[in-house]
N, C-alpha and C. Protein backbone atom coordinates (compact mmCIF):
# COMPACT_ATOMS: atom_id res chain seq x y z
N MET A 1 -13.17 -6.82 3.78
CA MET A 1 -12.16 -6.20 4.27
C MET A 1 -11.41 -5.29 3.10
N LYS A 2 -11.01 -3.84 3.32
CA LYS A 2 -10.55 -3.33 2.94
C LYS A 2 -9.06 -3.91 2.09
N ILE A 3 -8.75 -3.79 0.97
CA ILE A 3 -7.57 -4.08 0.66
C ILE A 3 -6.88 -2.79 0.01
N ILE A 4 -5.60 -2.12 -0.15
CA ILE A 4 -4.89 -1.20 -0.62
C ILE A 4 -3.23 -2.11 -1.25
N GLU A 5 -2.79 -2.33 -2.54
CA GLU A 5 -2.14 -2.62 -3.27
C GLU A 5 -1.00 -2.11 -3.65
N ILE A 6 0.27 -1.87 -2.92
CA ILE A 6 1.64 -1.47 -3.49
C ILE A 6 2.29 -1.82 -4.53
N ARG A 7 2.02 -1.68 -5.45
CA ARG A 7 3.01 -1.57 -6.97
C ARG A 7 3.94 -0.98 -7.48
N PRO A 8 4.31 -1.23 -8.53
CA PRO A 8 5.52 -0.51 -8.85
C PRO A 8 4.34 0.08 -10.30
N CYS A 9 4.62 1.05 -10.25
CA CYS A 9 4.05 2.21 -10.86
C CYS A 9 4.26 1.99 -12.78
N LYS A 10 3.27 1.98 -13.09
CA LYS A 10 3.50 1.82 -15.13
C LYS A 10 4.01 3.47 -15.26
N ARG A 11 3.19 4.22 -14.82
CA ARG A 11 3.34 5.55 -15.81
C ARG A 11 4.66 6.27 -15.74
N PHE A 12 5.18 6.53 -14.26
CA PHE A 12 6.44 6.83 -13.52
C PHE A 12 7.32 5.78 -13.90
N ARG A 13 8.88 5.48 -13.97
CA ARG A 13 10.27 4.97 -13.34
C ARG A 13 10.10 5.07 -12.16
N ASN A 14 10.35 4.22 -11.60
CA ASN A 14 10.93 3.62 -10.23
C ASN A 14 9.94 4.46 -9.40
N HIS A 15 8.87 4.42 -9.14
CA HIS A 15 7.23 4.81 -8.67
C HIS A 15 7.09 3.82 -8.10
N TRP A 16 6.53 4.13 -7.07
CA TRP A 16 5.28 3.23 -6.74
C TRP A 16 4.18 3.84 -6.81
N SER A 17 2.38 2.55 -6.37
CA SER A 17 1.19 3.23 -6.74
C SER A 17 1.18 2.71 -5.35
N ALA A 18 -0.02 3.46 -4.90
CA ALA A 18 -0.80 2.63 -3.58
C ALA A 18 -2.22 2.03 -4.65
N VAL A 19 -2.56 1.40 -5.24
CA VAL A 19 -3.95 1.27 -5.58
C VAL A 19 -4.52 1.10 -5.16
N GLU A 20 -5.72 1.76 -4.31
CA GLU A 20 -7.13 1.31 -3.39
C GLU A 20 -7.81 1.63 -4.07
N ALA A 21 -8.58 2.02 -5.33
CA ALA A 21 -9.49 1.46 -6.51
C ALA A 21 -9.26 2.39 -7.45
N PRO A 22 -9.91 1.89 -8.70
CA PRO A 22 -9.98 2.40 -9.84
C PRO A 22 -10.11 3.85 -10.11
N GLY A 23 -8.20 4.60 -10.29
CA GLY A 23 -8.53 6.09 -11.04
C GLY A 23 -8.23 6.23 -9.24
N VAL A 24 -7.87 5.87 -7.98
CA VAL A 24 -7.25 6.47 -7.13
C VAL A 24 -5.88 5.35 -6.99
N GLU A 25 -4.63 5.70 -7.51
CA GLU A 25 -3.42 5.44 -7.81
C GLU A 25 -2.75 6.23 -7.56
N PRO A 26 -2.46 7.18 -5.99
CA PRO A 26 -1.25 8.00 -6.37
C PRO A 26 0.10 7.50 -6.29
N SER A 27 1.13 7.79 -6.69
CA SER A 27 2.63 7.64 -7.24
C SER A 27 3.00 8.00 -6.44
N TYR A 28 4.38 7.24 -5.28
CA TYR A 28 5.34 8.16 -4.85
C TYR A 28 6.55 7.39 -5.21
N PRO A 29 7.94 8.25 -4.75
CA PRO A 29 8.97 7.94 -5.55
C PRO A 29 9.59 6.72 -4.34
N GLU A 30 9.15 6.73 -3.20
CA GLU A 30 9.46 5.49 -2.20
C GLU A 30 8.53 4.67 -1.71
N LEU A 31 9.34 3.39 -1.84
CA LEU A 31 8.43 2.22 -1.33
C LEU A 31 7.50 2.87 0.01
N GLU A 32 8.31 3.16 0.92
CA GLU A 32 7.99 3.91 2.55
C GLU A 32 6.67 4.86 2.34
N HIS A 33 6.78 5.92 1.30
CA HIS A 33 5.74 6.57 1.33
C HIS A 33 4.68 6.31 1.29
N ALA A 34 4.36 5.22 0.20
CA ALA A 34 3.38 4.74 -0.65
C ALA A 34 3.19 4.16 0.52
N ILE A 35 3.88 3.55 1.41
CA ILE A 35 2.70 2.18 2.24
C ILE A 35 2.72 3.39 3.50
N SER A 36 3.00 4.12 4.09
CA SER A 36 2.67 5.51 4.88
C SER A 36 1.38 5.85 4.25
N TYR A 37 1.25 6.19 2.93
CA TYR A 37 0.21 6.91 2.51
C TYR A 37 -1.08 5.58 3.20
N ALA A 38 -0.64 4.13 2.40
CA ALA A 38 -2.01 3.49 2.65
C ALA A 38 -2.25 2.98 3.79
N THR A 39 -1.39 2.86 5.10
CA THR A 39 -1.58 2.88 5.82
C THR A 39 -3.01 4.66 7.22
N SER A 40 -2.39 5.37 6.25
CA SER A 40 -3.31 6.62 6.88
C SER A 40 -4.89 6.60 6.36
N ARG A 41 -5.10 5.40 4.97
CA ARG A 41 -6.05 5.65 4.61
C ARG A 41 -7.23 4.67 5.55
N PHE A 42 -7.00 3.78 6.23
CA PHE A 42 -7.61 2.66 7.02
C PHE A 42 -7.95 3.97 8.10
N GLY A 43 -7.82 4.93 8.78
CA GLY A 43 -8.03 6.09 9.50
C GLY A 43 -9.10 4.68 10.73
N GLY A 44 -8.44 4.16 11.37
CA GLY A 44 -8.93 3.02 12.24
C GLY A 44 -9.41 1.67 11.97
N GLY A 45 -9.95 2.51 10.73
CA GLY A 45 -10.81 0.55 10.05
C GLY A 45 -9.72 -0.65 10.18
N PHE A 46 -10.34 -1.67 9.80
CA PHE A 46 -9.40 -2.81 9.83
C PHE A 46 -9.43 -3.11 7.88
N GLY A 47 -8.05 -3.56 7.89
CA GLY A 47 -8.04 -3.78 6.21
C GLY A 47 -6.52 -4.18 5.93
N GLU A 48 -6.15 -4.34 4.92
CA GLU A 48 -4.83 -5.13 4.62
C GLU A 48 -4.02 -4.56 3.26
N ILE A 49 -2.93 -4.34 3.69
CA ILE A 49 -2.10 -3.52 2.40
C ILE A 49 -1.11 -4.92 2.00
N HIS A 50 -1.55 -5.09 0.06
CA HIS A 50 -0.65 -5.98 -0.19
C HIS A 50 0.75 -5.37 -0.67
N VAL A 51 2.25 -5.55 -0.45
CA VAL A 51 3.10 -4.82 -1.11
C VAL A 51 3.62 -6.10 -2.64
N TYR A 52 3.74 -5.72 -3.31
CA TYR A 52 3.93 -6.54 -4.39
C TYR A 52 5.59 -6.44 -5.07
N ASP A 53 5.94 -7.10 -5.28
CA ASP A 53 7.53 -7.21 -5.96
C ASP A 53 7.77 -6.15 -7.61
N ASP A 54 9.31 -6.20 -7.08
CA ASP A 54 9.35 -5.19 -8.54
C ASP A 54 9.30 -5.54 -9.86
N ALA A 55 8.19 -6.46 -10.26
CA ALA A 55 7.61 -6.95 -11.31
C ALA A 55 6.31 -6.58 -11.36
N GLY A 56 5.93 -6.97 -10.12
CA GLY A 56 4.43 -6.34 -9.92
C GLY A 56 3.10 -7.97 -9.84
N GLU A 57 4.10 -8.90 -10.02
CA GLU A 57 3.54 -10.07 -10.04
C GLU A 57 3.12 -11.29 -8.70
N ASN A 58 3.56 -10.88 -7.85
CA ASN A 58 3.95 -11.63 -6.39
C ASN A 58 3.94 -10.77 -5.23
N VAL A 59 2.91 -11.24 -4.73
CA VAL A 59 2.97 -10.08 -3.38
C VAL A 59 4.29 -10.47 -2.29
N VAL A 60 5.20 -10.05 -1.67
CA VAL A 60 6.04 -9.89 -1.11
C VAL A 60 6.26 -9.85 0.84
N ALA A 61 4.94 -9.19 0.76
CA ALA A 61 4.42 -9.00 2.29
C ALA A 61 3.16 -8.52 2.51
N LYS A 62 2.17 -8.92 3.46
CA LYS A 62 0.76 -8.44 3.64
C LYS A 62 1.15 -7.93 5.30
N ILE A 63 0.58 -7.04 5.22
CA ILE A 63 0.40 -5.60 6.39
C ILE A 63 -1.23 -6.03 6.60
N PRO A 64 -1.24 -5.92 7.96
CA PRO A 64 -2.84 -6.10 8.75
C PRO A 64 -2.83 -5.00 9.47
N ILE A 65 -3.69 -4.58 8.88
CA ILE A 65 -4.22 -2.56 9.80
C ILE A 65 -5.16 -3.22 10.64
N ASP A 66 -4.95 -2.85 11.74
CA ASP A 66 -5.99 -3.56 13.32
C ASP A 66 -7.22 -2.37 13.21
N GLY A 67 -8.60 -2.47 13.46
CA GLY A 67 -8.99 -1.23 13.51
C GLY A 67 -8.59 -0.79 15.04
N GLY A 68 -8.26 -1.06 15.92
CA GLY A 68 -8.13 0.25 17.36
C GLY A 68 -6.72 0.44 16.94
N ILE A 69 -5.69 0.09 16.06
CA ILE A 69 -4.51 1.35 15.57
C ILE A 69 -4.35 2.26 14.39
N GLN A 70 -4.35 3.19 14.46
CA GLN A 70 -4.84 3.90 13.35
C GLN A 70 -4.29 3.98 12.57
N TYR A 71 -2.87 3.54 12.63
CA TYR A 71 -1.78 3.44 12.01
C TYR A 71 -1.09 2.08 12.23
N GLY A 72 -0.93 1.21 10.71
CA GLY A 72 -0.27 0.02 10.97
C GLY A 72 1.14 -0.26 11.11
N GLN A 73 1.57 -1.50 11.50
CA GLN A 73 3.20 -1.46 11.21
C GLN A 73 3.79 -2.07 10.63
N VAL A 74 4.24 -1.61 9.99
CA VAL A 74 5.27 -2.31 9.33
C VAL A 74 6.16 -3.42 9.42
N PRO A 75 6.23 -4.63 9.02
CA PRO A 75 7.20 -5.77 9.50
C PRO A 75 8.50 -5.69 8.64
N GLN A 76 9.61 -5.78 9.98
CA GLN A 76 10.43 -5.61 9.44
C GLN A 76 11.40 -6.98 8.65
């Protein structure tokens, strides 16, 4: 199962990184943009997005991606 982690960016203050693989960590100024990028990377596959807190230590949300739905639903 593919997992993409959304963590606070270490390189740019107040940005979020979508950590897909080593060296593949695009940075976004808004958390929603990072989640949108991550959901689009699944392309109809299965997986999960883990969103971490502001300190980058604890998972605050897990967003499952269903293979039948190209873009996952972000829980409210």
